[in-house]
N, C-alpha and C. Protein backbone atom coordinates (compact mmCIF):
# COMPACT_ATOMS: atom_id res chain seq x y z
N UNK A 1 -16.00 69.03 -158.96
CA UNK A 1 -14.61 68.63 -159.00
C UNK A 1 -13.79 69.47 -158.02
N UNK A 2 -14.05 70.79 -158.01
CA UNK A 2 -13.34 71.67 -157.07
C UNK A 2 -14.11 72.98 -156.96
N UNK A 3 -13.73 73.76 -155.95
CA UNK A 3 -14.36 75.07 -155.76
C UNK A 3 -13.29 76.10 -155.43
N UNK A 4 -13.37 77.27 -156.09
CA UNK A 4 -12.41 78.34 -155.84
C UNK A 4 -12.84 79.15 -154.63
N UNK A 5 -11.93 79.98 -154.14
CA UNK A 5 -12.24 80.82 -152.99
C UNK A 5 -13.28 81.89 -153.32
N UNK A 6 -13.52 82.14 -154.62
CA UNK A 6 -14.50 83.15 -155.04
C UNK A 6 -15.87 82.56 -155.35
N UNK A 7 -16.06 81.26 -155.07
CA UNK A 7 -17.37 80.65 -155.24
C UNK A 7 -17.61 79.95 -156.57
N UNK A 8 -16.60 79.91 -157.45
CA UNK A 8 -16.75 79.21 -158.72
C UNK A 8 -16.47 77.72 -158.50
N UNK A 9 -17.29 76.86 -159.12
CA UNK A 9 -17.06 75.42 -159.02
C UNK A 9 -16.75 74.85 -160.39
N UNK A 10 -15.73 74.00 -160.45
CA UNK A 10 -15.38 73.31 -161.68
C UNK A 10 -16.22 72.04 -161.74
N UNK A 11 -16.97 71.87 -162.83
CA UNK A 11 -17.89 70.75 -162.94
C UNK A 11 -17.75 70.04 -164.28
N UNK A 12 -18.02 68.75 -164.26
CA UNK A 12 -18.13 67.95 -165.47
C UNK A 12 -19.61 67.67 -165.66
N UNK A 13 -20.13 68.06 -166.83
CA UNK A 13 -21.56 67.88 -167.10
C UNK A 13 -21.76 67.22 -168.45
N UNK A 14 -22.82 66.46 -168.56
CA UNK A 14 -23.25 65.90 -169.83
C UNK A 14 -24.33 66.83 -170.37
N UNK A 15 -24.09 67.36 -171.59
CA UNK A 15 -25.00 68.36 -172.14
C UNK A 15 -25.40 67.97 -173.56
N UNK A 16 -26.69 68.10 -173.85
CA UNK A 16 -27.20 67.83 -175.20
C UNK A 16 -27.93 69.07 -175.69
N UNK A 17 -27.59 69.52 -176.89
CA UNK A 17 -28.22 70.68 -177.50
C UNK A 17 -28.97 70.26 -178.75
N UNK A 18 -30.18 70.76 -178.93
CA UNK A 18 -30.98 70.54 -180.14
C UNK A 18 -31.17 69.07 -180.46
N UNK A 19 -31.44 68.27 -179.44
CA UNK A 19 -31.70 66.83 -179.60
C UNK A 19 -30.54 66.07 -180.24
N UNK A 20 -29.32 66.59 -180.13
CA UNK A 20 -28.14 65.89 -180.65
C UNK A 20 -27.53 65.04 -179.54
N UNK A 21 -26.58 64.17 -179.91
CA UNK A 21 -25.91 63.32 -178.93
C UNK A 21 -25.24 64.19 -177.88
N UNK A 22 -25.30 63.73 -176.64
CA UNK A 22 -24.72 64.50 -175.53
C UNK A 22 -23.21 64.63 -175.68
N UNK A 23 -22.70 65.77 -175.23
CA UNK A 23 -21.26 66.01 -175.17
C UNK A 23 -20.92 66.24 -173.70
N UNK A 24 -19.65 66.18 -173.39
CA UNK A 24 -19.18 66.33 -172.01
C UNK A 24 -18.46 67.65 -171.88
N UNK A 25 -18.84 68.42 -170.89
CA UNK A 25 -18.40 69.79 -170.74
C UNK A 25 -17.72 69.95 -169.38
N UNK A 26 -16.48 70.48 -169.40
CA UNK A 26 -15.76 70.77 -168.16
C UNK A 26 -15.52 72.28 -168.13
N UNK A 27 -16.07 72.94 -167.12
CA UNK A 27 -15.89 74.39 -166.99
C UNK A 27 -16.24 74.85 -165.59
N UNK A 28 -15.89 76.09 -165.30
CA UNK A 28 -16.22 76.71 -164.01
C UNK A 28 -17.58 77.38 -164.09
N UNK A 29 -18.36 77.24 -163.02
CA UNK A 29 -19.68 77.85 -162.90
C UNK A 29 -19.73 78.67 -161.62
N UNK A 30 -20.42 79.81 -161.69
CA UNK A 30 -20.68 80.58 -160.48
C UNK A 30 -21.74 79.84 -159.69
N UNK A 31 -21.73 79.97 -158.37
CA UNK A 31 -22.55 79.12 -157.49
C UNK A 31 -24.03 79.11 -157.85
N UNK A 32 -24.58 80.16 -158.40
CA UNK A 32 -26.01 80.17 -158.74
C UNK A 32 -26.26 79.62 -160.16
N UNK A 33 -25.19 79.16 -160.83
CA UNK A 33 -25.23 78.58 -162.18
C UNK A 33 -25.73 79.55 -163.25
N UNK A 34 -25.69 80.84 -162.95
CA UNK A 34 -26.11 81.83 -163.94
C UNK A 34 -24.96 82.31 -164.80
N UNK A 35 -23.73 82.11 -164.35
CA UNK A 35 -22.56 82.52 -165.13
C UNK A 35 -21.62 81.34 -165.26
N UNK A 36 -20.97 81.25 -166.43
CA UNK A 36 -19.99 80.20 -166.63
C UNK A 36 -18.73 80.81 -167.23
N UNK A 37 -17.61 80.15 -167.00
CA UNK A 37 -16.33 80.60 -167.52
C UNK A 37 -15.96 79.73 -168.72
N UNK A 38 -14.84 80.04 -169.33
CA UNK A 38 -14.38 79.23 -170.46
C UNK A 38 -14.15 77.80 -170.00
N UNK A 39 -14.32 76.87 -170.91
CA UNK A 39 -14.13 75.47 -170.58
C UNK A 39 -13.78 74.68 -171.82
N UNK A 40 -13.99 73.40 -171.74
CA UNK A 40 -13.72 72.51 -172.86
C UNK A 40 -14.90 71.56 -173.02
N UNK A 41 -15.27 71.29 -174.27
CA UNK A 41 -16.36 70.37 -174.58
C UNK A 41 -15.78 69.19 -175.34
N UNK A 42 -16.12 67.98 -174.90
CA UNK A 42 -15.57 66.76 -175.48
C UNK A 42 -16.68 65.85 -175.98
N UNK A 43 -16.45 65.20 -177.10
CA UNK A 43 -17.39 64.20 -177.61
C UNK A 43 -17.23 62.92 -176.79
N UNK A 44 -18.09 61.95 -177.01
CA UNK A 44 -18.00 60.68 -176.31
C UNK A 44 -16.65 60.02 -176.60
N UNK A 45 -16.22 60.07 -177.85
CA UNK A 45 -14.94 59.46 -178.22
C UNK A 45 -13.77 60.16 -177.52
N UNK A 46 -13.84 61.47 -177.42
CA UNK A 46 -12.77 62.23 -176.77
C UNK A 46 -12.73 61.97 -175.27
N UNK A 47 -13.89 61.86 -174.62
CA UNK A 47 -13.90 61.62 -173.18
C UNK A 47 -13.42 60.20 -172.88
N UNK A 48 -13.72 59.25 -173.77
CA UNK A 48 -13.20 57.88 -173.61
C UNK A 48 -11.68 57.88 -173.75
N UNK A 49 -11.15 58.61 -174.74
CA UNK A 49 -9.70 58.69 -174.93
C UNK A 49 -9.05 59.35 -173.71
N UNK A 50 -9.67 60.39 -173.16
CA UNK A 50 -9.14 61.05 -171.97
C UNK A 50 -9.15 60.08 -170.79
N UNK A 51 -10.23 59.35 -170.62
CA UNK A 51 -10.32 58.36 -169.53
C UNK A 51 -9.21 57.33 -169.65
N UNK A 52 -9.03 56.81 -170.86
CA UNK A 52 -7.99 55.81 -171.07
C UNK A 52 -6.60 56.37 -170.76
N UNK A 53 -6.36 57.61 -171.19
CA UNK A 53 -5.09 58.26 -170.90
C UNK A 53 -4.86 58.41 -169.40
N UNK A 54 -5.89 58.90 -168.69
CA UNK A 54 -5.76 59.11 -167.25
C UNK A 54 -5.59 57.79 -166.51
N UNK A 55 -6.27 56.74 -166.96
CA UNK A 55 -6.12 55.43 -166.33
C UNK A 55 -4.70 54.89 -166.47
N UNK A 56 -4.00 55.33 -167.50
CA UNK A 56 -2.64 54.87 -167.73
C UNK A 56 -1.58 55.62 -166.93
N UNK A 57 -1.96 56.72 -166.29
CA UNK A 57 -1.01 57.50 -165.49
C UNK A 57 -0.78 56.87 -164.14
N UNK A 58 0.46 56.96 -163.68
CA UNK A 58 0.76 56.52 -162.32
C UNK A 58 0.76 57.75 -161.43
N UNK A 59 -0.29 57.89 -160.64
CA UNK A 59 -0.43 59.07 -159.78
C UNK A 59 -0.09 58.74 -158.34
């Protein structure tokens, strides 16, 4: 999504833990993907609601 001047990239990823339904994760990662910063995790329902909200914005 974006990259900071210090090498961190903001990414949206689909992540599944322990064979559960995938969730959507938005957070910053260091370029080697060994470190991550705080972020937000959304369920399928939450990401759909966010999509619908964003589609309704006039940008």
